[in-house]
Amino acid sequence: MEAPVTLAKPVRDLVSTLELHANSLIITVFGDSILPRGGNIWLGSLIALARPFGISERLVRTGVYRLAREGWLDAQPKGRRAYYTITPTGLETFAEADRRIYAANSPDWDGRWRLVQMLPQISQNRRQSLRRELKWLGFGQISPTILAHPTADDVVVEKVLTGLGVKDDVIVFRAEAAPFVAESTIRTVAEDAWTLKALNADYERFARSFRPLQENPDSLSQLSELDAFVLRTLLIHDYRRILLKDPQLPHDLLPDGWAGSTARDLCAGLYGAIAEHADAHVTGLMETYSGTIREPSPAYHQRFGGGLKT
């Protein structure tokens, strides 16, 4: 029987406090730790990486099976071992999520909205799939048939529409509000479409969970490589769940006391402080199909504005 995992108390408390599900956590581990080093890993390594979070071997096996069935991962057998790689389709989704999660700053806004209008002939199943995929990209629903985003990339939106086979079932606009439309009206629409008060509360809760670690830098420097990996994964896991629902609206459209900026600074600071130790834990456990662990991609070093060590 394997020895129980021992974590530092602040990290152990976070594991017990945050809501963790196997599939979602596996996605976080792949995106944060595995993708920068090639996106391929032996199932046994993934099981070992998930174990400190209380995710059992059975749950990991079930999770990767479901993710493969949903098109996120490809299984690669080699002898009696199974290796998993992010699919090309999954890679595009990961890349878009990474662009938003690890950005140094919120994107600039040109004042124009990206609107996706669903046409009457679109089937109910495709309508639901489109809503799900666009909301993953941060779109908000402003009417039963229209979704909006202030800064969405047209190329990314087109890929989603093509992948779902709905390019002929929607019209994509770029539009701006007429000068006579009151800013208060736009604020109300934004609040309804993205539940900004709830997002703000989520950001405040995130800050309460992780700020004590930021306020005690000595304890961060004493974390083991295992603790650093678990903490970094929890940090991104929790932050990602909030950020990917955030349309990153311009400041003028945000409610007073918006906590998103504070949360980003907190996440970036903690991430940079523990990245080196966390990476060491990953590379110590990670086995790949080729037997070679790649050096982190250039994009990895630019996370949160760059300066990460390996």
Foldseek 3Di string as FASTA:
>chain_A
DDDADDFDVLLLVLLVPDDDAQLLLLVLCQLQFVVQFPQKFWLVLSQVLCVVSVQHSVRNVVNVVVCVVVQQWDWDDDVPTIMIGGHPVNVLLSVLLLCQLQPLDQDDFPQKKKKKFFAPVDDPVLLVQLVVVVLLQQWFDLDSGMTIFGDDDPVSNVVSCVVSVCPVGIDIDIGHDDPVDDLVVVLVSVCVRLVQVVLQVLLVVLCVSQVVCVVCLVVLVPGALSNLQSVLSSLSSSSSVSRSNHSSDPPSSHDPPRNPVVSSVSNLVSCQSRVVSPNVVSVVSTAGPVRDGGDGDPVSQCGNHGDHDD
